[in-house]
PDB file of N, CA and C in Angstrom:
ATOM      1  N   MET A   1       0.836  -1.180   0.000  1.00  0.00           N
ATOM      2  CA  MET A   1       0.000   0.000   0.000  1.00  0.00           C
ATOM      3  C   MET A   1       0.876   1.236   0.000  1.00  0.00           C
ATOM      4  N   GLN A   2       0.702   2.113  -0.963  1.00  0.00           N
ATOM      5  CA  GLN A   2       1.447   3.365  -1.043  1.00  0.00           C
ATOM      6  C   GLN A   2       0.775   4.414  -0.161  1.00  0.00           C
ATOM      7  N   ILE A   3       1.560   5.100   0.616  1.00  0.00           N
ATOM      8  CA  ILE A   3       1.046   6.163   1.464  1.00  0.00           C
ATOM      9  C   ILE A   3       1.433   7.481   0.824  1.00  0.00           C
ATOM     10  N   PRO A   4       0.442   8.326   0.460  1.00  0.00           N
ATOM     11  CA  PRO A   4       0.792   9.599  -0.165  1.00  0.00           C
ATOM     12  C   PRO A   4       1.457  10.528   0.852  1.00  0.00           C
ATOM     13  N   ILE A   5       2.565  11.136   0.425  1.00  0.00           N
ATOM     14  CA  ILE A   5       3.255  12.093   1.281  1.00  0.00           C
ATOM     15  C   ILE A   5       3.567  13.325   0.462  1.00  0.00           C
ATOM     16  N   SER A   6       3.668  14.432   1.144  1.00  0.00           N
ATOM     17  CA  SER A   6       4.030  15.664   0.451  1.00  0.00           C
ATOM     18  C   SER A   6       5.539  15.786   0.403  1.00  0.00           C
ATOM     19  N   LYS A   7       6.047  16.559  -0.552  1.00  0.00           N
ATOM     20  CA  LYS A   7       7.498  16.747  -0.666  1.00  0.00           C
ATOM     21  C   LYS A   7       8.058  17.423   0.580  1.00  0.00           C
ATOM     22  N   ALA A   8       7.256  18.239   1.257  1.00  0.00           N
ATOM     23  CA  ALA A   8       7.733  18.938   2.446  1.00  0.00           C
ATOM     24  C   ALA A   8       7.998  17.979   3.596  1.00  0.00           C
ATOM     25  N   SER A   9       7.388  16.790   3.582  1.00  0.00           N
ATOM     26  CA  SER A   9       7.566  15.860   4.691  1.00  0.00           C
ATOM     27  C   SER A   9       8.815  14.993   4.545  1.00  0.00           C
ATOM     28  N   VAL A  10       9.488  15.060   3.406  1.00  0.00           N
ATOM     29  CA  VAL A  10      10.709  14.283   3.202  1.00  0.00           C
ATOM     30  C   VAL A  10      11.875  15.034   3.823  1.00  0.00           C
ATOM     31  N   LEU A  11      12.734  14.300   4.505  1.00  0.00           N
ATOM     32  CA  LEU A  11      13.878  14.933   5.145  1.00  0.00           C
ATOM     33  C   LEU A  11      14.795  15.575   4.112  1.00  0.00           C
ATOM     34  N   PRO A  12      15.299  16.772   4.370  1.00  0.00           N
ATOM     35  CA  PRO A  12      16.270  17.361   3.453  1.00  0.00           C
ATOM     36  C   PRO A  12      17.601  16.636   3.555  1.00  0.00           C
ATOM     37  N   SER A  13      18.362  16.661   2.470  1.00  0.00           N
ATOM     38  CA  SER A  13      19.663  15.994   2.465  1.00  0.00           C
ATOM     39  C   SER A  13      20.723  16.767   3.236  1.00  0.00           C
ATOM     40  N   ASP A  14      20.488  18.034   3.509  1.00  0.00           N
ATOM     41  CA  ASP A  14      21.454  18.853   4.227  1.00  0.00           C
ATOM     42  C   ASP A  14      21.208  18.723   5.726  1.00  0.00           C
ATOM     43  N   PRO A  15      22.107  18.021   6.470  1.00  0.00           N
ATOM     44  CA  PRO A  15      21.877  17.829   7.898  1.00  0.00           C
ATOM     45  C   PRO A  15      21.863  19.122   8.693  1.00  0.00           C
ATOM     46  N   ASP A  16      22.458  20.194   8.153  1.00  0.00           N
ATOM     47  CA  ASP A  16      22.459  21.465   8.869  1.00  0.00           C
ATOM     48  C   ASP A  16      21.085  22.114   8.873  1.00  0.00           C
ATOM     49  N   THR A  17      20.263  21.838   7.875  1.00  0.00           N
ATOM     50  CA  THR A  17      18.941  22.460   7.802  1.00  0.00           C
ATOM     51  C   THR A  17      17.827  21.517   8.230  1.00  0.00           C
ATOM     52  N   ALA A  18      18.147  20.264   8.521  1.00  0.00           N
ATOM     53  CA  ALA A  18      17.128  19.286   8.882  1.00  0.00           C
ATOM     54  C   ALA A  18      16.659  19.524  10.315  1.00  0.00           C
ATOM     55  N   VAL A  19      15.360  19.605  10.477  1.00  0.00           N
ATOM     56  CA  VAL A  19      14.761  19.655  11.802  1.00  0.00           C
ATOM     57  C   VAL A  19      14.208  18.275  12.064  1.00  0.00           C
ATOM     58  N   GLU A  20      14.612  17.659  13.148  1.00  0.00           N
ATOM     59  CA  GLU A  20      14.196  16.297  13.419  1.00  0.00           C
ATOM     60  C   GLU A  20      13.341  16.235  14.667  1.00  0.00           C
ATOM     61  N   VAL A  21      12.402  15.318  14.655  1.00  0.00           N
ATOM     62  CA  VAL A  21      11.557  15.042  15.804  1.00  0.00           C
ATOM     63  C   VAL A  21      11.623  13.554  16.087  1.00  0.00           C
ATOM     64  N   GLN A  22      11.252  13.178  17.280  1.00  0.00           N
ATOM     65  CA  GLN A  22      11.306  11.775  17.666  1.00  0.00           C
ATOM     66  C   GLN A  22      10.090  11.034  17.127  1.00  0.00           C
ATOM     67  N   LEU A  23      10.311   9.800  16.683  1.00  0.00           N
ATOM     68  CA  LEU A  23       9.252   8.909  16.229  1.00  0.00           C
ATOM     69  C   LEU A  23       9.237   7.720  17.175  1.00  0.00           C
ATOM     70  N   CYS A  24       8.101   7.482  17.803  1.00  0.00           N
ATOM     71  CA  CYS A  24       7.995   6.404  18.785  1.00  0.00           C
ATOM     72  C   CYS A  24       6.945   5.399  18.350  1.00  0.00           C
ATOM     73  N   VAL A  25       7.253   4.138  18.484  1.00  0.00           N
ATOM     74  CA  VAL A  25       6.279   3.073  18.230  1.00  0.00           C
ATOM     75  C   VAL A  25       6.390   2.051  19.357  1.00  0.00           C
ATOM     76  N   MET A  26       5.263   1.498  19.705  1.00  0.00           N
ATOM     77  CA  MET A  26       5.232   0.462  20.735  1.00  0.00           C
ATOM     78  C   MET A  26       5.315  -0.895  20.035  1.00  0.00           C
ATOM     79  N   VAL A  27       6.281  -1.702  20.439  1.00  0.00           N
ATOM     80  CA  VAL A  27       6.460  -3.037  19.886  1.00  0.00           C
ATOM     81  C   VAL A  27       6.755  -3.998  21.032  1.00  0.00           C
ATOM     82  N   ALA A  28       6.631  -5.265  20.752  1.00  0.00           N
ATOM     83  CA  ALA A  28       6.965  -6.290  21.745  1.00  0.00           C
ATOM     84  C   ALA A  28       8.473  -6.264  22.005  1.00  0.00           C
ATOM     85  N   PRO A  29       8.890  -6.624  23.212  1.00  0.00           N
ATOM     86  CA  PRO A  29      10.330  -6.634  23.521  1.00  0.00           C
ATOM     87  C   PRO A  29      11.151  -7.465  22.542  1.00  0.00           C
ATOM     88  N   GLY A  30      10.588  -8.573  22.068  1.00  0.00           N
ATOM     89  CA  GLY A  30      11.319  -9.407  21.113  1.00  0.00           C
ATOM     90  C   GLY A  30      11.535  -8.715  19.781  1.00  0.00           C
ATOM     91  N   VAL A  31      10.549  -7.932  19.346  1.00  0.00           N
ATOM     92  CA  VAL A  31      10.686  -7.165  18.092  1.00  0.00           C
ATOM     93  C   VAL A  31      11.781  -6.122  18.255  1.00  0.00           C
ATOM     94  N   ARG A  32      11.755  -5.442  19.382  1.00  0.00           N
ATOM     95  CA  ARG A  32      12.785  -4.420  19.648  1.00  0.00           C
ATOM     96  C   ARG A  32      14.174  -5.053  19.618  1.00  0.00           C
ATOM     97  N   ALA A  33      14.311  -6.209  20.238  1.00  0.00           N
ATOM     98  CA  ALA A  33      15.609  -6.888  20.266  1.00  0.00           C
ATOM     99  C   ALA A  33      16.037  -7.298  18.857  1.00  0.00           C
ATOM    100  N   GLN A  34      15.098  -7.785  18.046  1.00  0.00           N
ATOM    101  CA  GLN A  34      15.427  -8.184  16.680  1.00  0.00           C
ATOM    102  C   GLN A  34      15.848  -6.992  15.832  1.00  0.00           C
ATOM    103  N   VAL A  35      15.171  -5.862  16.004  1.00  0.00           N
ATOM    104  CA  VAL A  35      15.523  -4.664  15.232  1.00  0.00           C
ATOM    105  C   VAL A  35      16.907  -4.167  15.642  1.00  0.00           C
ATOM    106  N   ARG A  36      17.176  -4.149  16.937  1.00  0.00           N
ATOM    107  CA  ARG A  36      18.512  -3.739  17.407  1.00  0.00           C
ATOM    108  C   ARG A  36      19.592  -4.683  16.882  1.00  0.00           C
ATOM    109  N   ALA A  37      19.306  -5.986  16.918  1.00  0.00           N
ATOM    110  CA  ALA A  37      20.280  -6.966  16.430  1.00  0.00           C
ATOM    111  C   ALA A  37      20.520  -6.796  14.932  1.00  0.00           C
ATOM    112  N   ALA A  38      19.462  -6.515  14.174  1.00  0.00           N
ATOM    113  CA  ALA A  38      19.610  -6.302  12.728  1.00  0.00           C
ATOM    114  C   ALA A  38      20.458  -5.068  12.446  1.00  0.00           C
ATOM    115  N   ALA A  39      20.233  -3.999  13.208  1.00  0.00           N
ATOM    116  CA  ALA A  39      21.034  -2.780  13.029  1.00  0.00           C
ATOM    117  C   ALA A  39      22.497  -3.050  13.365  1.00  0.00           C
ATOM    118  N   ALA A  40      22.731  -3.752  14.456  1.00  0.00           N
ATOM    119  CA  ALA A  40      24.109  -4.061  14.855  1.00  0.00           C
ATOM    120  C   ALA A  40      24.792  -4.959  13.829  1.00  0.00           C
ATOM    121  N   ALA A  41      24.055  -5.939  13.309  1.00  0.00           N
ATOM    122  CA  ALA A  41      24.632  -6.856  12.318  1.00  0.00           C
ATOM    123  C   ALA A  41      25.014  -6.127  11.035  1.00  0.00           C
ATOM    124  N   ARG A  42      24.253  -5.099  10.682  1.00  0.00           N
ATOM    125  CA  ARG A  42      24.536  -4.323   9.467  1.00  0.00           C
ATOM    126  C   ARG A  42      25.510  -3.182   9.728  1.00  0.00           C
ATOM    127  N   GLY A  43      25.796  -2.919  11.009  1.00  0.00           N
ATOM    128  CA  GLY A  43      26.718  -1.835  11.359  1.00  0.00           C
ATOM    129  C   GLY A  43      26.123  -0.463  11.143  1.00  0.00           C
ATOM    130  N   VAL A  44      24.818  -0.334  11.363  1.00  0.00           N
ATOM    131  CA  VAL A  44      24.143   0.954  11.198  1.00  0.00           C
ATOM    132  C   VAL A  44      23.376   1.286  12.470  1.00  0.00           C
ATOM    133  N   THR A  45      22.932   2.512  12.570  1.00  0.00           N
ATOM    134  CA  THR A  45      22.120   2.926  13.708  1.00  0.00           C
ATOM    135  C   THR A  45      20.680   2.478  13.500  1.00  0.00           C
ATOM    136  N   LEU A  46      19.904   2.476  14.579  1.00  0.00           N
ATOM    137  CA  LEU A  46      18.476   2.174  14.465  1.00  0.00           C
ATOM    138  C   LEU A  46      17.808   3.163  13.524  1.00  0.00           C
ATOM    139  N   ARG A  47      18.207   4.421  13.609  1.00  0.00           N
ATOM    140  CA  ARG A  47      17.654   5.472  12.746  1.00  0.00           C
ATOM    141  C   ARG A  47      17.875   5.124  11.272  1.00  0.00           C
ATOM    142  N   ALA A  48      19.096   4.760  10.931  1.00  0.00           N
ATOM    143  CA  ALA A  48      19.416   4.436   9.542  1.00  0.00           C
ATOM    144  C   ALA A  48      18.656   3.194   9.076  1.00  0.00           C
ATOM    145  N   LEU A  49      18.541   2.203   9.947  1.00  0.00           N
ATOM    146  CA  LEU A  49      17.815   0.986   9.589  1.00  0.00           C
ATOM    147  C   LEU A  49      16.348   1.294   9.299  1.00  0.00           C
ATOM    148  N   VAL A  50      15.706   2.048  10.177  1.00  0.00           N
ATOM    149  CA  VAL A  50      14.283   2.362  10.010  1.00  0.00           C
ATOM    150  C   VAL A  50      14.064   3.264   8.801  1.00  0.00           C
ATOM    151  N   LEU A  51      14.874   4.307   8.648  1.00  0.00           N
ATOM    152  CA  LEU A  51      14.708   5.199   7.492  1.00  0.00           C
ATOM    153  C   LEU A  51      14.949   4.450   6.181  1.00  0.00           C
ATOM    154  N   GLY A  52      15.944   3.563   6.168  1.00  0.00           N
ATOM    155  CA  GLY A  52      16.210   2.772   4.972  1.00  0.00           C
ATOM    156  C   GLY A  52      15.049   1.842   4.644  1.00  0.00           C
ATOM    157  N   ALA A  53      14.474   1.231   5.676  1.00  0.00           N
ATOM    158  CA  ALA A  53      13.324   0.347   5.460  1.00  0.00           C
ATOM    159  C   ALA A  53      12.121   1.135   4.943  1.00  0.00           C
ATOM    160  N   LEU A  54      11.899   2.339   5.483  1.00  0.00           N
ATOM    161  CA  LEU A  54      10.795   3.175   5.007  1.00  0.00           C
ATOM    162  C   LEU A  54      11.026   3.609   3.564  1.00  0.00           C
ATOM    163  N   ARG A  55      12.271   3.901   3.228  1.00  0.00           N
ATOM    164  CA  ARG A  55      12.592   4.270   1.845  1.00  0.00           C
ATOM    165  C   ARG A  55      12.368   3.086   0.908  1.00  0.00           C
ATOM    166  N   ASP A  56      12.869   1.916   1.312  1.00  0.00           N
ATOM    167  CA  ASP A  56      12.737   0.720   0.479  1.00  0.00           C
ATOM    168  C   ASP A  56      11.281   0.289   0.313  1.00  0.00           C
ATOM    169  N   ALA A  57      10.439   0.616   1.302  1.00  0.00           N
ATOM    170  CA  ALA A  57       9.016   0.270   1.230  1.00  0.00           C
ATOM    171  C   ALA A  57       8.232   1.279   0.396  1.00  0.00           C
ATOM    172  N   GLY A  58       8.897   2.344  -0.053  1.00  0.00           N
ATOM    173  CA  GLY A  58       8.224   3.353  -0.869  1.00  0.00           C
ATOM    174  C   GLY A  58       7.526   4.428  -0.075  1.00  0.00           C
ATOM    175  N   VAL A  59       7.671   4.400   1.244  1.00  0.00           N
ATOM    176  CA  VAL A  59       7.034   5.414   2.092  1.00  0.00           C
ATOM    177  C   VAL A  59       7.779   6.740   1.988  1.00  0.00           C
ATOM    178  N   LEU A  60       9.093   6.681   1.944  1.00  0.00           N
ATOM    179  CA  LEU A  60       9.941   7.879   1.846  1.00  0.00           C
ATOM    180  C   LEU A  60      10.873   7.741   0.644  1.00  0.00           C
ATOM    181  N   PRO A  61      10.351   7.796  -0.564  1.00  0.00           N
ATOM    182  CA  PRO A  61      11.204   7.564  -1.735  1.00  0.00           C
ATOM    183  C   PRO A  61      12.251   8.654  -1.951  1.00  0.00           C
ATOM    184  N   GLY A  62      12.035   9.839  -1.439  1.00  0.00           N
ATOM    185  CA  GLY A  62      12.969  10.938  -1.677  1.00  0.00           C
ATOM    186  C   GLY A  62      14.108  11.021  -0.688  1.00  0.00           C
ATOM    187  N   ILE A  63      14.224  10.064   0.204  1.00  0.00           N
ATOM    188  CA  ILE A  63      15.281  10.131   1.201  1.00  0.00           C
ATOM    189  C   ILE A  63      16.612   9.740   0.553  1.00  0.00           C
ATOM    190  N   ALA A  64      17.619  10.525   0.787  1.00  0.00           N
ATOM    191  CA  ALA A  64      18.940  10.285   0.189  1.00  0.00           C
ATOM    192  C   ALA A  64      19.808   9.456   1.118  1.00  0.00           C
ATOM    193  N   ASP A  65      20.863   8.859   0.560  1.00  0.00           N
ATOM    194  CA  ASP A  65      21.797   8.086   1.381  1.00  0.00           C
ATOM    195  C   ASP A  65      22.430   8.956   2.462  1.00  0.00           C
ATOM    196  N   ALA A  66      22.621  10.233   2.173  1.00  0.00           N
ATOM    197  CA  ALA A  66      23.203  11.149   3.163  1.00  0.00           C
ATOM    198  C   ALA A  66      22.321  11.261   4.397  1.00  0.00           C
ATOM    199  N   ASP A  67      21.019  11.108   4.231  1.00  0.00           N
ATOM    200  CA  ASP A  67      20.101  11.180   5.367  1.00  0.00           C
ATOM    201  C   ASP A  67      20.194   9.948   6.254  1.00  0.00           C
ATOM    202  N   LEU A  68      20.789   8.875   5.735  1.00  0.00           N
ATOM    203  CA  LEU A  68      20.927   7.641   6.498  1.00  0.00           C
ATOM    204  C   LEU A  68      22.244   7.587   7.264  1.00  0.00           C
ATOM    205  N   ALA A  69      23.114   8.546   7.026  1.00  0.00           N
ATOM    206  CA  ALA A  69      24.433   8.542   7.670  1.00  0.00           C
ATOM    207  C   ALA A  69      24.284   8.700   9.179  1.00  0.00           C
ATOM    208  N   ASP A  70      25.210   8.111   9.908  1.00  0.00           N
ATOM    209  CA  ASP A  70      25.243   8.241  11.356  1.00  0.00           C
ATOM    210  C   ASP A  70      25.763   9.627  11.689  1.00  0.00           C
ATOM    211  N   ARG A  71      24.877  10.500  12.084  1.00  0.00           N
ATOM    212  CA  ARG A  71      25.275  11.888  12.343  1.00  0.00           C
ATOM    213  C   ARG A  71      26.176  12.013  13.552  1.00  0.00           C
ATOM    214  N   ARG A  72      26.124  11.039  14.447  1.00  0.00           N
ATOM    215  CA  ARG A  72      27.047  11.078  15.588  1.00  0.00           C
ATOM    216  C   ARG A  72      28.467  10.904  15.096  1.00  0.00           C
ATOM    217  N   ALA A  73      28.674  10.020  14.131  1.00  0.00           N
ATOM    218  CA  ALA A  73      30.013   9.797  13.583  1.00  0.00           C
ATOM    219  C   ALA A  73      30.498  11.032  12.846  1.00  0.00           C
ATOM    220  N   VAL A  74      29.597  11.688  12.117  1.00  0.00           N
ATOM    221  CA  VAL A  74      29.961  12.904  11.392  1.00  0.00           C
ATOM    222  C   VAL A  74      30.365  13.992  12.375  1.00  0.00           C
ATOM    223  N   LEU A  75      29.600  14.137  13.454  1.00  0.00           N
ATOM    224  CA  LEU A  75      29.914  15.144  14.468  1.00  0.00           C
ATOM    225  C   LEU A  75      31.238  14.821  15.163  1.00  0.00           C
ATOM    226  N   ALA A  76      31.448  13.555  15.494  1.00  0.00           N
ATOM    227  CA  ALA A  76      32.703  13.161  16.141  1.00  0.00           C
ATOM    228  C   ALA A  76      33.896  13.424  15.231  1.00  0.00           C
ATOM    229  N   ALA A  77      33.755  13.146  13.944  1.00  0.00           N
ATOM    230  CA  ALA A  77      34.845  13.401  13.003  1.00  0.00           C
ATOM    231  C   ALA A  77      35.129  14.887  12.893  1.00  0.00           C
ATOM    232  N   ALA A  78      34.086  15.706  12.891  1.00  0.00           N
ATOM    233  CA  ALA A  78      34.275  17.159  12.819  1.00  0.00           C
ATOM    234  C   ALA A  78      34.978  17.670  14.068  1.00  0.00           C
ATOM    235  N   LYS A  79      34.599  17.156  15.235  1.00  0.00           N
ATOM    236  CA  LYS A  79      35.256  17.568  16.485  1.00  0.00           C
ATOM    237  C   LYS A  79      36.718  17.153  16.489  1.00  0.00           C
ATOM    238  N   ALA A  80      37.005  15.928  16.028  1.00  0.00           N
ATOM    239  CA  ALA A  80      38.381  15.450  15.992  1.00  0.00           C
ATOM    240  C   ALA A  80      39.222  16.286  15.045  1.00  0.00           C
ATOM    241  N   ARG A  81      38.641  16.636  13.877  1.00  0.00           N
ATOM    242  CA  ARG A  81      39.367  17.461  12.914  1.00  0.00           C
ATOM    243  C   ARG A  81      39.678  18.832  13.515  1.00  0.00           C
ATOM    244  N   LEU A  82      38.703  19.423  14.181  1.00  0.00           N
ATOM    245  CA  LEU A  82      38.903  20.725  14.809  1.00  0.00           C
ATOM    246  C   LEU A  82      39.968  20.631  15.890  1.00  0.00           C
ATOM    247  N   TRP A  83      39.940  19.558  16.675  1.00  0.00           N
ATOM    248  CA  TRP A  83      40.916  19.365  17.740  1.00  0.00           C
ATOM    249  C   TRP A  83      42.325  19.275  17.161  1.00  0.00           C
ATOM    250  N   ARG A  84      42.465  18.506  16.045  1.00  0.00           N
ATOM    251  CA  ARG A  84      43.783  18.378  15.408  1.00  0.00           C
ATOM    252  C   ARG A  84      44.252  19.711  14.836  1.00  0.00           C
ATOM    253  N   GLU A  85      43.325  20.454  14.210  1.00  0.00           N
ATOM    254  CA  GLU A  85      43.693  21.732  13.603  1.00  0.00           C
ATOM    255  C   GLU A  85      44.161  22.735  14.646  1.00  0.00           C
ATOM    256  N   ARG A  86      43.656  22.626  15.842  1.00  0.00           N
ATOM    257  CA  ARG A  86      44.034  23.553  16.916  1.00  0.00           C
ATOM    258  C   ARG A  86      45.232  23.064  17.706  1.00  0.00           C
ATOM    259  N   GLY A  87      45.859  21.996  17.253  1.00  0.00           N
ATOM    260  CA  GLY A  87      47.089  21.539  17.892  1.00  0.00           C
ATOM    261  C   GLY A  87      46.899  20.402  18.862  1.00  0.00           C
ATOM    262  N   GLY A  88      45.710  19.875  18.987  1.00  0.00           N
ATOM    263  CA  GLY A  88      45.479  18.726  19.850  1.00  0.00           C
ATOM    264  C   GLY A  88      45.756  19.015  21.303  1.00  0.00           C
ATOM    265  N   ALA A  89      46.255  18.010  22.018  1.00  0.00           N
ATOM    266  CA  ALA A  89      46.490  18.117  23.456  1.00  0.00           C
ATOM    267  C   ALA A  89      47.555  19.155  23.773  1.00  0.00           C
ATOM    268  N   ALA A  90      48.513  19.331  22.867  1.00  0.00           N
ATOM    269  CA  ALA A  90      49.583  20.297  23.125  1.00  0.00           C
ATOM    270  C   ALA A  90      49.031  21.705  23.251  1.00  0.00           C
ATOM    271  N   ALA A  91      48.008  22.034  22.487  1.00  0.00           N
ATOM    272  CA  ALA A  91      47.424  23.366  22.540  1.00  0.00           C
ATOM    273  C   ALA A  91      46.554  23.561  23.777  1.00  0.00           C
ATOM    274  N   SER A  92      46.099  22.475  24.381  1.00  0.00           N
ATOM    275  CA  SER A  92      45.220  22.597  25.541  1.00  0.00           C
ATOM    276  C   SER A  92      46.001  22.821  26.832  1.00  0.00           C
ATOM    277  N   ARG A  93      47.318  22.599  26.799  1.00  0.00           N
ATOM    278  CA  ARG A  93      48.143  22.822  27.988  1.00  0.00           C
ATOM    279  C   ARG A  93      48.772  24.201  27.936  1.00  0.00           C
ATOM    280  N   GLU A  94      48.948  24.777  29.075  1.00  0.00           N
ATOM    281  CA  GLU A  94      49.676  26.041  29.149  1.00  0.00           C
ATOM    282  C   GLU A  94      51.163  25.743  28.982  1.00  0.00           C
ATOM    283  N   PRO A  95      51.912  26.693  28.408  1.00  0.00           N
ATOM    284  CA  PRO A  95      53.355  26.455  28.268  1.00  0.00           C
ATOM    285  C   PRO A  95      53.987  26.208  29.633  1.00  0.00           C
ATOM    286  N   GLY A  96      54.792  25.180  29.719  1.00  0.00           N
ATOM    287  CA  GLY A  96      55.478  24.851  30.965  1.00  0.00           C
ATOM    288  C   GLY A  96      54.664  24.020  31.928  1.00  0.00           C
ATOM    289  N   ALA A  97      53.395  23.774  31.617  1.00  0.00           N
ATOM    290  CA  ALA A  97      52.555  22.974  32.509  1.00  0.00           C
ATOM    291  C   ALA A  97      52.986  21.515  32.424  1.00  0.00           C
ATOM    292  N   PRO A  98      52.948  20.821  33.551  1.00  0.00           N
ATOM    293  CA  PRO A  98      53.359  19.406  33.514  1.00  0.00           C
ATOM    294  C   PRO A  98      52.355  18.572  32.749  1.00  0.00           C
ATOM    295  N   ARG A  99      52.853  17.499  32.141  1.00  0.00           N
ATOM    296  CA  ARG A  99      51.977  16.570  31.432  1.00  0.00           C
ATOM    297  C   ARG A  99      51.341  15.618  32.440  1.00  0.00           C
ATOM    298  N   GLY A 100      50.296  14.965  32.072  1.00  0.00           N
ATOM    299  CA  GLY A 100      49.643  14.008  32.944  1.00  0.00           C
ATOM    300  C   GLY A 100      48.515  14.663  33.709  1.00  0.00           C
ATOM    301  N   ARG A 101      48.115  14.006  34.781  1.00  0.00           N
ATOM    302  CA  ARG A 101      46.954  14.462  35.532  1.00  0.00           C
ATOM    303  C   ARG A 101      47.302  15.420  36.652  1.00  0.00           C
ATOM    304  N   GLY A 102      48.551  15.717  36.820  1.00  0.00           N
ATOM    305  CA  GLY A 102      48.967  16.676  37.834  1.00  0.00           C
ATOM    306  C   GLY A 102      49.082  16.088  39.232  1.00  0.00           C
ATOM    307  N   ARG A 103      49.014  14.775  39.360  1.00  0.00           N
ATOM    308  CA  ARG A 103      49.155  14.153  40.661  1.00  0.00           C
ATOM    309  C   ARG A 103      50.621  13.858  40.929  1.00  0.00           C
ATOM    310  N   ALA A 104      51.040  14.139  42.111  1.00  0.00           N
ATOM    311  CA  ALA A 104      52.423  13.837  42.470  1.00  0.00           C
ATOM    312  C   ALA A 104      52.523  12.383  42.852  1.00  0.00           C
ATOM    313  N   GLY A 105      53.534  11.732  42.365  1.00  0.00           N
ATOM    314  CA  GLY A 105      53.720  10.330  42.716  1.00  0.00           C
ATOM    315  C   GLY A 105      54.553  10.191  43.955  1.00  0.00           C
ATOM    316  N   GLY A 106      54.552   9.016  44.504  1.00  0.00           N
ATOM    317  CA  GLY A 106      55.395   8.754  45.663  1.00  0.00           C
ATOM    318  C   GLY A 106      54.693   9.069  46.976  1.00  0.00           C
ATOM    319  N   ALA A 107      55.466   8.930  48.046  1.00  0.00           N
ATOM    320  CA  ALA A 107      54.917   9.124  49.387  1.00  0.00           C
ATOM    321  C   ALA A 107      54.794  10.600  49.711  1.00  0.00           C
ATOM    322  N   THR A 108      53.861  10.932  50.566  1.00  0.00           N
ATOM    323  CA  THR A 108      53.702  12.325  51.003  1.00  0.00           C
ATOM    324  C   THR A 108      54.373  12.479  52.342  1.00  0.00           C
ATOM    325  N   PRO A 109      54.981  13.617  52.565  1.00  0.00           N
ATOM    326  CA  PRO A 109      55.698  13.800  53.853  1.00  0.00           C
ATOM    327  C   PRO A 109      54.774  13.967  55.015  1.00  0.00           C
TER     328      PRO A 109
END
């Protein structure tokens, strides 16, 4: 069964302009476990698995592969790149500051 949808209801491919809301469904615990296991076996998030299934079923035909990407991974990569560009851990220390956690080793007097 095809469900008519408007073009405005399809997620945009640009993650910066996408406004997202939570989608909740009640399922049996076994179904939830199977869906999680399927996502883990494919190496994708639950979000990507569900959106891909909706796309493949013809419910969301306009969804792009970019919309299925794990946005947490994209954000983590952007943070890591920024951290490297700013000099990494070396830039976070003050000049002359000791390395490590700042705990003195050995016995205390």
